[in-house]
Amino acid sequence: MEKIADIIESIANEKNLNLENVREKVATALINTAKRIYGQEYEFFVDPKNLNLYQKITIVADNDERLQNKSESFIALSKAKSEA
């Protein structure tokens, strides 16, 4: 994230923009991209140097109906065990 912070600072300086506004816009863009990719089931934490995104995945029984929807929000117990 350090290089991204340097790029954001360079853009703000080059374009004569407020650094904090540029940081907020980039963070918003990254969060919106995560929403499109992962859906609404995630949490995020932002501080001046870091943006952490965490996807929430619910572990369900292997025969759970929710697995039929191909949702990224659910994973079968057997698959979760094998990937742990």
C-alpha atoms as a PDB file:
ATOM      1  CA  MET A   1       0.000   0.000   0.000  1.00  0.00           C
ATOM      2  CA  GLU A   2       3.027   2.255   0.461  1.00  0.00           C
ATOM      3  CA  LYS A   3       3.519   2.645  -3.303  1.00  0.00           C
ATOM      4  CA  ILE A   4      -0.157   3.431  -3.808  1.00  0.00           C
ATOM      5  CA  ALA A   5       0.080   6.115  -1.117  1.00  0.00           C
ATOM      6  CA  ASP A   6       3.071   7.601  -2.940  1.00  0.00           C
ATOM      7  CA  ILE A   7       1.165   7.584  -6.240  1.00  0.00           C
ATOM      8  CA  ILE A   8      -1.851   9.258  -4.620  1.00  0.00           C
ATOM      9  CA  GLU A   9       0.406  11.927  -3.141  1.00  0.00           C
ATOM     10  CA  SER A  10       2.092  12.490  -6.519  1.00  0.00           C
ATOM     11  CA  ILE A  11      -1.263  12.868  -8.265  1.00  0.00           C
ATOM     12  CA  ALA A  12      -2.482  15.344  -5.647  1.00  0.00           C
ATOM     13  CA  ASN A  13       0.706  17.403  -5.935  1.00  0.00           C
ATOM     14  CA  GLU A  14       0.847  17.275  -9.733  1.00  0.00           C
ATOM     15  CA  LYS A  15      -2.793  18.282 -10.158  1.00  0.00           C
ATOM     16  CA  ASN A  16      -2.705  20.724  -7.232  1.00  0.00           C
ATOM     17  CA  LEU A  17      -5.483  18.844  -5.403  1.00  0.00           C
ATOM     18  CA  ASN A  18      -6.130  18.390  -1.706  1.00  0.00           C
ATOM     19  CA  LEU A  19      -4.318  15.197  -0.654  1.00  0.00           C
ATOM     20  CA  GLU A  20      -7.035  14.083   1.760  1.00  0.00           C
ATOM     21  CA  ASN A  21      -9.734  14.472  -0.915  1.00  0.00           C
ATOM     22  CA  VAL A  22      -7.722  12.354  -3.360  1.00  0.00           C
ATOM     23  CA  ARG A  23      -7.199   9.670  -0.684  1.00  0.00           C
ATOM     24  CA  GLU A  24     -10.928   9.579   0.038  1.00  0.00           C
ATOM     25  CA  LYS A  25     -11.808   9.309  -3.670  1.00  0.00           C
ATOM     26  CA  VAL A  26      -9.350   6.452  -4.232  1.00  0.00           C
ATOM     27  CA  ALA A  27     -10.579   4.608  -1.124  1.00  0.00           C
ATOM     28  CA  THR A  28     -14.188   5.043  -2.286  1.00  0.00           C
ATOM     29  CA  ALA A  29     -13.282   3.719  -5.738  1.00  0.00           C
ATOM     30  CA  LEU A  30     -11.579   0.653  -4.236  1.00  0.00           C
ATOM     31  CA  ILE A  31     -14.528  -0.031  -1.931  1.00  0.00           C
ATOM     32  CA  ASN A  32     -17.027   0.298  -4.799  1.00  0.00           C
ATOM     33  CA  THR A  33     -14.930  -2.075  -6.900  1.00  0.00           C
ATOM     34  CA  ALA A  34     -14.938  -4.578  -4.034  1.00  0.00           C
ATOM     35  CA  LYS A  35     -18.735  -4.282  -3.826  1.00  0.00           C
ATOM     36  CA  ARG A  36     -19.051  -5.150  -7.515  1.00  0.00           C
ATOM     37  CA  ILE A  37     -16.641  -8.076  -7.274  1.00  0.00           C
ATOM     38  CA  TYR A  38     -17.542  -9.550  -3.887  1.00  0.00           C
ATOM     39  CA  GLY A  39     -21.061  -8.257  -3.316  1.00  0.00           C
ATOM     40  CA  GLN A  40     -22.256  -6.533  -0.187  1.00  0.00           C
ATOM     41  CA  GLU A  41     -21.013  -9.207   2.226  1.00  0.00           C
ATOM     42  CA  TYR A  42     -17.726  -7.668   3.302  1.00  0.00           C
ATOM     43  CA  GLU A  43     -16.233  -5.346   5.879  1.00  0.00           C
ATOM     44  CA  PHE A  44     -13.619  -2.688   5.318  1.00  0.00           C
ATOM     45  CA  PHE A  45     -11.324  -0.652   7.516  1.00  0.00           C
ATOM     46  CA  VAL A  46      -9.542   2.480   6.331  1.00  0.00           C
ATOM     47  CA  ASP A  47      -6.733   4.441   7.899  1.00  0.00           C
ATOM     48  CA  PRO A  48      -4.332   6.879   6.193  1.00  0.00           C
ATOM     49  CA  LYS A  49      -1.930   4.144   5.046  1.00  0.00           C
ATOM     50  CA  ASN A  50      -4.120   1.032   4.809  1.00  0.00           C
ATOM     51  CA  LEU A  51      -7.372  -0.195   3.358  1.00  0.00           C
ATOM     52  CA  ASN A  52      -8.330  -3.672   4.536  1.00  0.00           C
ATOM     53  CA  LEU A  53     -11.195  -5.555   2.883  1.00  0.00           C
ATOM     54  CA  TYR A  54     -12.614  -8.700   4.439  1.00  0.00           C
ATOM     55  CA  GLN A  55     -15.148 -10.872   2.663  1.00  0.00           C
ATOM     56  CA  LYS A  56     -17.686 -12.615   4.895  1.00  0.00           C
ATOM     57  CA  ILE A  57     -18.152 -16.269   3.971  1.00  0.00           C
ATOM     58  CA  THR A  58     -20.601 -18.482   5.841  1.00  0.00           C
ATOM     59  CA  ILE A  59     -19.705 -22.151   6.226  1.00  0.00           C
ATOM     60  CA  VAL A  60     -22.753 -24.355   5.669  1.00  0.00           C
ATOM     61  CA  ALA A  61     -23.525 -28.076   5.505  1.00  0.00           C
ATOM     62  CA  ASP A  62     -22.512 -29.826   2.296  1.00  0.00           C
ATOM     63  CA  ASN A  63     -26.160 -30.293   1.286  1.00  0.00           C
ATOM     64  CA  ASP A  64     -27.319 -26.739   2.125  1.00  0.00           C
ATOM     65  CA  GLU A  65     -29.622 -25.226  -0.526  1.00  0.00           C
ATOM     66  CA  ARG A  66     -27.750 -21.908  -0.488  1.00  0.00           C
ATOM     67  CA  LEU A  67     -24.802 -23.585  -2.218  1.00  0.00           C
ATOM     68  CA  GLN A  68     -26.961 -24.048  -5.338  1.00  0.00           C
ATOM     69  CA  ASN A  69     -26.990 -20.281  -5.959  1.00  0.00           C
ATOM     70  CA  LYS A  70     -23.244 -20.228  -6.728  1.00  0.00           C
ATOM     71  CA  SER A  71     -22.936 -17.435  -4.179  1.00  0.00           C
ATOM     72  CA  GLU A  72     -19.458 -16.394  -3.050  1.00  0.00           C
ATOM     73  CA  SER A  73     -20.953 -15.807   0.410  1.00  0.00           C
ATOM     74  CA  PHE A  74     -21.297 -19.508   1.267  1.00  0.00           C
ATOM     75  CA  ILE A  75     -18.883 -22.433   1.306  1.00  0.00           C
ATOM     76  CA  ALA A  76     -19.505 -26.107   2.042  1.00  0.00           C
ATOM     77  CA  LEU A  77     -18.048 -27.464   5.280  1.00  0.00           C
ATOM     78  CA  SER A  78     -16.026 -30.146   3.470  1.00  0.00           C
ATOM     79  CA  LYS A  79     -14.509 -27.579   1.107  1.00  0.00           C
ATOM     80  CA  ALA A  80     -13.679 -25.218   3.973  1.00  0.00           C
ATOM     81  CA  LYS A  81     -11.902 -28.056   5.797  1.00  0.00           C
ATOM     82  CA  SER A  82      -9.880 -29.011   2.722  1.00  0.00           C
ATOM     83  CA  GLU A  83      -8.816 -25.397   2.090  1.00  0.00           C
ATOM     84  CA  ALA A  84      -7.882 -24.650   5.712  1.00  0.00           C
END
